[in-house]
C-alpha atoms as a PDB file:
ATOM      1  CA  UNK A   1       4.598  -4.963  21.164  1.00  0.00           C
ATOM      2  CA  UNK A   2       1.890  -2.414  21.726  1.00  0.00           C
ATOM      3  CA  UNK A   3      -1.547  -2.803  20.212  1.00  0.00           C
ATOM      4  CA  UNK A   4      -3.155   0.441  19.211  1.00  0.00           C
ATOM      5  CA  UNK A   5      -6.866   0.839  18.742  1.00  0.00           C
ATOM      6  CA  UNK A   6      -8.295   3.517  16.531  1.00  0.00           C
ATOM      7  CA  UNK A   7     -11.729   5.059  16.739  1.00  0.00           C
ATOM      8  CA  UNK A   8     -13.622   4.774  13.471  1.00  0.00           C
ATOM      9  CA  UNK A   9     -14.528   8.226  12.250  1.00  0.00           C
ATOM     10  CA  UNK A  10     -14.340  10.310   9.100  1.00  0.00           C
ATOM     11  CA  UNK A  11     -10.769  11.479   8.851  1.00  0.00           C
ATOM     12  CA  UNK A  12      -8.132  12.135   6.245  1.00  0.00           C
ATOM     13  CA  UNK A  13      -5.546   9.392   6.312  1.00  0.00           C
ATOM     14  CA  UNK A  14      -2.510  10.523   4.391  1.00  0.00           C
ATOM     15  CA  UNK A  15      -0.914   7.812   2.335  1.00  0.00           C
ATOM     16  CA  UNK A  16       2.875   7.376   2.644  1.00  0.00           C
ATOM     17  CA  UNK A  17       3.285   9.621  -0.415  1.00  0.00           C
ATOM     18  CA  UNK A  18       1.146  12.313   1.226  1.00  0.00           C
ATOM     19  CA  UNK A  19      -1.681  11.998  -1.305  1.00  0.00           C
ATOM     20  CA  UNK A  20      -5.223  10.865  -0.532  1.00  0.00           C
ATOM     21  CA  UNK A  21      -8.309  10.562  -2.705  1.00  0.00           C
ATOM     22  CA  UNK A  22     -11.597  10.335  -0.823  1.00  0.00           C
ATOM     23  CA  UNK A  23     -14.132   8.954  -0.977  1.00  0.00           C
ATOM     24  CA  UNK A  24     -12.855   6.166  -3.199  1.00  0.00           C
ATOM     25  CA  UNK A  25     -14.926   4.645  -4.756  1.00  0.00           C
ATOM     26  CA  UNK A  26     -16.844   7.851  -5.366  1.00  0.00           C
ATOM     27  CA  UNK A  27     -20.143   8.956  -6.873  1.00  0.00           C
ATOM     28  CA  UNK A  28     -18.348  11.380  -9.207  1.00  0.00           C
ATOM     29  CA  UNK A  29     -17.384  13.949  -6.599  1.00  0.00           C
ATOM     30  CA  UNK A  30     -14.185  13.447  -4.637  1.00  0.00           C
ATOM     31  CA  UNK A  31     -11.410  15.414  -3.007  1.00  0.00           C
ATOM     32  CA  UNK A  32      -7.711  15.113  -3.623  1.00  0.00           C
ATOM     33  CA  UNK A  33      -5.691  15.909  -0.517  1.00  0.00           C
ATOM     34  CA  UNK A  34      -1.958  16.565  -0.828  1.00  0.00           C
ATOM     35  CA  UNK A  35      -0.165  16.988   2.483  1.00  0.00           C
ATOM     36  CA  UNK A  36       2.996  18.344   0.845  1.00  0.00           C
ATOM     37  CA  UNK A  37       1.185  21.500  -0.186  1.00  0.00           C
ATOM     38  CA  UNK A  38       4.107  23.831   0.418  1.00  0.00           C
ATOM     39  CA  UNK A  39       4.951  22.972  -3.194  1.00  0.00           C
ATOM     40  CA  UNK A  40       2.840  23.906  -6.182  1.00  0.00           C
ATOM     41  CA  UNK A  41       1.590  20.875  -8.050  1.00  0.00           C
ATOM     42  CA  UNK A  42      -0.454  19.745 -11.031  1.00  0.00           C
ATOM     43  CA  UNK A  43      -3.370  17.310 -11.140  1.00  0.00           C
ATOM     44  CA  UNK A  44      -4.148  15.417 -14.332  1.00  0.00           C
ATOM     45  CA  UNK A  45      -6.921  12.832 -14.546  1.00  0.00           C
ATOM     46  CA  UNK A  46      -6.994  10.336 -17.389  1.00  0.00           C
ATOM     47  CA  UNK A  47      -9.690   7.918 -18.490  1.00  0.00           C
ATOM     48  CA  UNK A  48      -8.701   4.304 -19.077  1.00  0.00           C
ATOM     49  CA  UNK A  49      -8.591   5.228 -22.789  1.00  0.00           C
ATOM     50  CA  UNK A  50      -5.827   7.723 -22.025  1.00  0.00           C
ATOM     51  CA  UNK A  51      -7.942  10.836 -22.553  1.00  0.00           C
ATOM     52  CA  UNK A  52      -7.280  13.774 -20.234  1.00  0.00           C
ATOM     53  CA  UNK A  53     -10.585  14.506 -18.472  1.00  0.00           C
ATOM     54  CA  UNK A  54      -9.292  16.991 -15.879  1.00  0.00           C
ATOM     55  CA  UNK A  55      -6.243  19.246 -15.689  1.00  0.00           C
ATOM     56  CA  UNK A  56      -5.375  21.851 -13.090  1.00  0.00           C
ATOM     57  CA  UNK A  57      -1.924  23.407 -12.777  1.00  0.00           C
ATOM     58  CA  UNK A  58      -0.042  25.532 -10.235  1.00  0.00           C
ATOM     59  CA  UNK A  59      -2.193  24.368  -7.324  1.00  0.00           C
ATOM     60  CA  UNK A  60      -1.144  25.644  -3.929  1.00  0.00           C
ATOM     61  CA  UNK A  61      -3.988  24.521  -1.646  1.00  0.00           C
ATOM     62  CA  UNK A  62      -3.825  21.128   0.048  1.00  0.00           C
ATOM     63  CA  UNK A  63      -7.256  19.888  -1.018  1.00  0.00           C
ATOM     64  CA  UNK A  64      -8.965  20.108  -4.394  1.00  0.00           C
ATOM     65  CA  UNK A  65     -12.597  19.080  -4.969  1.00  0.00           C
ATOM     66  CA  UNK A  66     -13.217  17.274  -8.257  1.00  0.00           C
ATOM     67  CA  UNK A  67     -16.761  16.840  -9.551  1.00  0.00           C
ATOM     68  CA  UNK A  68     -18.832  15.607 -12.479  1.00  0.00           C
ATOM     69  CA  UNK A  69     -16.751  12.654 -13.600  1.00  0.00           C
ATOM     70  CA  UNK A  70     -18.796   9.953 -15.341  1.00  0.00           C
ATOM     71  CA  UNK A  71     -18.739   6.376 -14.048  1.00  0.00           C
ATOM     72  CA  UNK A  72     -15.506   4.526 -14.668  1.00  0.00           C
ATOM     73  CA  UNK A  73     -11.958   4.011 -13.471  1.00  0.00           C
ATOM     74  CA  UNK A  74      -9.539   6.910 -13.752  1.00  0.00           C
ATOM     75  CA  UNK A  75      -5.838   7.443 -13.310  1.00  0.00           C
ATOM     76  CA  UNK A  76      -5.011  10.520 -11.248  1.00  0.00           C
ATOM     77  CA  UNK A  77      -1.509  11.883 -11.807  1.00  0.00           C
ATOM     78  CA  UNK A  78      -0.119  14.341  -9.269  1.00  0.00           C
ATOM     79  CA  UNK A  79       3.114  16.077 -10.257  1.00  0.00           C
ATOM     80  CA  UNK A  80       5.222  18.487  -8.240  1.00  0.00           C
ATOM     81  CA  UNK A  81       8.658  19.838  -9.070  1.00  0.00           C
ATOM     82  CA  UNK A  82      10.479  16.687  -8.011  1.00  0.00           C
ATOM     83  CA  UNK A  83       8.208  13.720  -8.663  1.00  0.00           C
ATOM     84  CA  UNK A  84       5.065  12.346 -10.196  1.00  0.00           C
ATOM     85  CA  UNK A  85       2.632  10.002  -8.428  1.00  0.00           C
ATOM     86  CA  UNK A  86      -0.248   8.015  -9.908  1.00  0.00           C
ATOM     87  CA  UNK A  87      -3.421   6.973  -8.084  1.00  0.00           C
ATOM     88  CA  UNK A  88      -6.541   5.190  -9.234  1.00  0.00           C
ATOM     89  CA  UNK A  89     -10.069   6.430  -8.508  1.00  0.00           C
ATOM     90  CA  UNK A  90     -13.293   4.517  -9.134  1.00  0.00           C
ATOM     91  CA  UNK A  91     -16.480   6.422  -9.938  1.00  0.00           C
ATOM     92  CA  UNK A  92     -19.621   4.311  -9.565  1.00  0.00           C
END
């Protein structure tokens, strides 16, 4: 087997589902990166109480900056025409 070494630097590492949230944990400002951006998609962010704190629809760009979230844990739901994916983000 081959051992690969990777230089440590700031880079976007796409998750298997093509969605990354960084930095996570965050200070209230983070970026959502969606590598499958040839599709339009929707971002919804929910507090742990189930309240919608952010909603943006018909997004076409691959990265979306999100700012001004208070401290806490949030559920980020990304939906395109075929599927919905949930991620967790921590604001501290």
